């Protein structure tokens, strides 16, 4: 009976999304030609699957393929929806399906709402908390009045450095703070965070505390 109902209404919501994607594959692959309209339509289609799903397109690589990233937008509650949608993804010659936003280079500079973060200039402290860690990022020119913007910048840079999955599942607390006149002994540059983070998790997996 369930199969019959799915047939009448065009399959599951995940299958309906991919049917739409396949029909519009050429437009989506060349999304730069009409980016605003395509992003709007694609966002609407994803929200029909699950309200908090997000997406990213990768550049066209040398092999002619492009990544399509299915993101939970940093929300653990959307992880199951990411997995369900990825499970139903079809094989398309020009596409690679990626679950969750992936790590980028440890050497990065980006600007968010006029706040520039350079991983070779901005410092952090990582504090172990069992199977998780806390991360404090010390911003240059930090102001309490704009704390929310600095906090968003902290999450964005952590997403880039550690990847969405690890930030959501292994980082317990993220804090944006001002640089202090006296350097903290254990303060390091942000570009060092991925290596320290991975080393700590490796010790946890081996049972060292």
Protein backbone atom coordinates (compact mmCIF):
# COMPACT_ATOMS: atom_id res chain seq x y z
CA UNK A 1 0.00 0.00 0.00
CA UNK A 2 2.85 2.42 0.87
CA UNK A 3 4.49 1.78 -2.51
CA UNK A 4 1.18 2.49 -4.23
CA UNK A 5 0.76 5.80 -2.38
CA UNK A 6 4.32 6.81 -3.29
CA UNK A 7 3.62 5.98 -6.92
CA UNK A 8 0.50 8.13 -7.00
CA UNK A 9 2.26 11.14 -5.49
CA UNK A 10 5.54 10.76 -7.38
CA UNK A 11 7.68 8.99 -4.77
CA UNK A 12 9.21 10.23 -1.54
CA UNK A 13 10.09 13.89 -1.04
CA UNK A 14 13.75 13.00 -1.55
CA UNK A 15 12.97 11.23 -4.84
CA UNK A 16 10.86 14.16 -6.02
CA UNK A 17 13.76 16.51 -5.34
CA UNK A 18 16.18 14.42 -7.40
CA UNK A 19 13.68 14.05 -10.24
CA UNK A 20 13.51 17.85 -10.37
CA UNK A 21 17.32 18.06 -10.19
CA UNK A 22 17.73 15.65 -13.11
CA UNK A 23 15.21 17.58 -15.22
CA UNK A 24 17.11 20.80 -14.54
CA UNK A 25 20.63 19.35 -14.54
CA UNK A 26 21.94 21.52 -17.39
CA UNK A 27 20.68 24.75 -15.78
CA UNK A 28 22.08 23.78 -12.40
CA UNK A 29 25.47 22.85 -13.81
CA UNK A 30 25.71 26.30 -15.40
CA UNK A 31 24.07 28.08 -12.45
CA UNK A 32 26.28 31.17 -12.92
CA UNK A 33 24.20 32.07 -16.00
CA UNK A 34 21.11 32.79 -13.85
CA UNK A 35 22.35 32.44 -10.29
CA UNK A 36 19.69 34.41 -8.41
CA UNK A 37 16.75 32.56 -9.96
CA UNK A 38 18.37 29.14 -9.72
CA UNK A 39 19.42 29.59 -6.09
CA UNK A 40 15.92 30.74 -5.18
CA UNK A 41 14.27 27.77 -6.89
CA UNK A 42 16.80 25.27 -5.56
CA UNK A 43 16.43 26.59 -2.02
CA UNK A 44 12.67 26.23 -2.26
CA UNK A 45 12.99 22.64 -3.50
CA UNK A 46 15.37 21.74 -0.67
CA UNK A 47 13.10 23.30 1.95
CA UNK A 48 10.31 21.06 0.66
CA UNK A 49 12.49 18.11 1.67
CA UNK A 50 13.48 19.60 5.05
CA UNK A 51 13.21 23.25 6.15
CA UNK A 52 16.82 23.63 7.33
CA UNK A 53 18.70 22.05 4.43
CA UNK A 54 21.21 24.23 2.61
CA UNK A 55 23.50 23.74 -0.37
CA UNK A 56 26.76 24.76 -1.98
CA UNK A 57 28.16 24.33 -5.47
CA UNK A 58 31.80 23.56 -6.01
CA UNK A 59 33.75 24.85 -9.04
CA UNK A 60 33.99 22.75 -12.19
CA UNK A 61 37.10 20.63 -11.73
CA UNK A 62 39.61 19.54 -14.34
CA UNK A 63 37.70 16.29 -14.89
CA UNK A 64 34.58 18.26 -15.83
CA UNK A 65 32.69 17.41 -12.63
CA UNK A 66 31.16 19.73 -10.07
CA UNK A 67 30.43 19.07 -6.38
CA UNK A 68 26.95 19.57 -5.00
CA UNK A 69 27.13 19.89 -1.22
CA UNK A 70 24.08 18.99 0.86
CA UNK A 71 24.38 20.84 4.16
CA UNK A 72 22.54 20.72 7.47
CA UNK A 73 23.35 24.42 7.83
CA UNK A 74 25.14 23.65 11.09
CA UNK A 75 22.10 22.04 12.75
CA UNK A 76 22.30 18.56 14.25
CA UNK A 77 18.53 18.23 13.84
CA UNK A 78 18.99 18.32 10.05
CA UNK A 79 21.69 15.61 9.87
CA UNK A 80 19.19 12.82 9.29
CA UNK A 81 17.65 14.77 6.39
CA UNK A 82 21.08 15.22 4.79
CA UNK A 83 21.72 11.48 5.00
CA UNK A 84 18.28 10.61 3.62
CA UNK A 85 18.62 12.96 0.65
CA UNK A 86 22.15 11.76 -0.15
CA UNK A 87 21.01 8.13 -0.04
CA UNK A 88 18.51 8.79 -2.85
CA UNK A 89 20.96 10.73 -5.05
CA UNK A 90 21.17 9.47 -8.65
CA UNK A 91 24.33 8.86 -10.62
CA UNK A 92 25.00 11.84 -12.89
CA UNK A 93 28.22 11.91 -14.90
CA UNK A 94 28.99 15.58 -14.23
CA UNK A 95 28.23 15.65 -10.51
CA UNK A 96 29.68 14.49 -7.20
CA UNK A 97 27.41 14.45 -4.15
CA UNK A 98 28.97 15.66 -0.89
CA UNK A 99 27.36 15.33 2.54
CA UNK A 100 28.01 18.35 4.77
CA UNK A 101 30.33 21.29 4.15
CA UNK A 102 33.89 20.02 3.97
CA UNK A 103 37.16 21.37 5.32
CA UNK A 104 39.10 23.92 3.35
CA UNK A 105 42.69 25.04 3.56
CA UNK A 106 44.08 25.82 7.02
CA UNK A 107 45.50 29.02 5.55
CA UNK A 108 42.49 31.20 4.77
CA UNK A 109 41.32 34.79 4.85
CA UNK A 110 37.70 35.82 4.47
CA UNK A 111 35.52 38.81 5.24
CA UNK A 112 32.06 38.62 6.80
CA UNK A 113 30.10 41.83 7.30
CA UNK A 114 33.38 43.84 7.13
CA UNK A 115 35.11 41.61 9.73
CA UNK A 116 38.22 40.03 8.22
CA UNK A 117 39.55 36.77 9.61
CA UNK A 118 43.04 35.65 8.62
CA UNK A 119 43.98 32.23 10.01
CA UNK A 120 47.64 33.24 10.12
CA UNK A 121 46.95 36.32 12.25
CA UNK A 122 43.94 35.49 14.44
CA UNK A 123 44.54 33.38 17.57
CA UNK A 124 42.52 30.73 19.39
CA UNK A 125 42.51 28.50 22.45
CA UNK A 126 41.11 24.96 22.30
CA UNK A 127 39.97 23.53 25.62
CA UNK A 128 39.30 19.76 25.90
CA UNK A 129 35.92 18.67 27.22
CA UNK A 130 35.83 14.87 27.18
CA UNK A 131 34.92 13.73 23.67
CA UNK A 132 34.34 17.37 22.69
CA UNK A 133 36.30 20.62 22.73
CA UNK A 134 35.56 24.28 23.39
CA UNK A 135 37.10 26.87 21.07
CA UNK A 136 37.65 30.55 21.83
CA UNK A 137 38.70 32.80 18.95
CA UNK A 138 40.41 36.08 19.81
CA UNK A 139 39.48 38.72 17.26
CA UNK A 140 41.44 41.83 16.44
CA UNK A 141 39.34 44.99 16.89
CA UNK A 142 36.61 43.02 18.68
CA UNK A 143 33.72 45.05 20.11
CA UNK A 144 31.03 43.81 22.48
CA UNK A 145 28.40 45.83 20.58
CA UNK A 146 28.96 43.61 17.54
CA UNK A 147 29.37 40.36 19.44
CA UNK A 148 26.74 38.53 17.36
CA UNK A 149 28.62 39.32 14.13
CA UNK A 150 31.93 38.18 15.60
CA UNK A 151 30.26 35.00 16.85
CA UNK A 152 28.90 34.28 13.37
CA UNK A 153 32.39 34.87 11.97
CA UNK A 154 33.77 32.37 14.48
CA UNK A 155 31.34 29.67 13.36
CA UNK A 156 32.07 30.37 9.69
CA UNK A 157 35.82 30.07 10.09
CA UNK A 158 35.46 26.90 12.18
CA UNK A 159 33.21 25.38 9.50
CA UNK A 160 35.96 26.08 6.98
CA UNK A 161 38.82 24.81 9.13
CA UNK A 162 37.17 21.71 10.64
CA UNK A 163 34.22 20.93 8.39
CA UNK A 164 30.53 21.11 9.25
CA UNK A 165 30.23 17.56 10.63
CA UNK A 166 33.03 17.92 13.19
CA UNK A 167 31.98 21.41 14.28
CA UNK A 168 28.45 20.24 15.04
CA UNK A 169 29.33 16.89 16.61
CA UNK A 170 32.67 17.62 18.35
CA UNK A 171 32.77 21.34 19.23
CA UNK A 172 30.73 21.90 22.37
CA UNK A 173 31.14 25.66 22.75
CA UNK A 174 32.37 28.45 20.49
CA UNK A 175 33.24 31.85 21.91
CA UNK A 176 34.31 35.08 20.21
CA UNK A 177 36.48 37.29 22.42
CA UNK A 178 38.79 40.27 22.32
CA UNK A 179 42.56 39.94 22.27
CA UNK A 180 44.05 40.45 25.71
CA UNK A 181 47.03 42.74 26.46
CA UNK A 182 48.92 39.77 27.93
CA UNK A 183 49.22 36.76 25.65
CA UNK A 184 47.80 33.49 26.89
CA UNK A 185 50.42 30.76 27.14
CA UNK A 186 48.41 28.24 25.12
CA UNK A 187 47.17 30.65 22.48
CA UNK A 188 47.94 29.57 18.90
CA UNK A 189 47.24 30.81 15.38
CA UNK A 190 44.00 29.56 13.82
CA UNK A 191 45.88 27.78 11.03
CA UNK A 192 47.16 25.37 13.73
CA UNK A 193 43.66 24.40 14.92
CA UNK A 194 42.93 21.50 12.51
CA UNK A 195 46.11 19.65 13.49
CA UNK A 196 45.53 20.13 17.24
CA UNK A 197 41.86 19.17 16.91
CA UNK A 198 42.65 16.00 14.94
CA UNK A 199 45.40 14.97 17.36
CA UNK A 200 43.06 15.35 20.33
CA UNK A 201 40.27 13.33 18.70
CA UNK A 202 42.77 10.62 17.75
CA UNK A 203 43.78 10.31 21.42
CA UNK A 204 40.11 10.12 22.41
CA UNK A 205 39.49 7.29 19.96
CA UNK A 206 42.43 5.39 21.45
CA UNK A 207 41.02 5.85 24.95
CA UNK A 208 43.51 8.42 26.28
CA UNK A 209 42.05 11.21 28.43
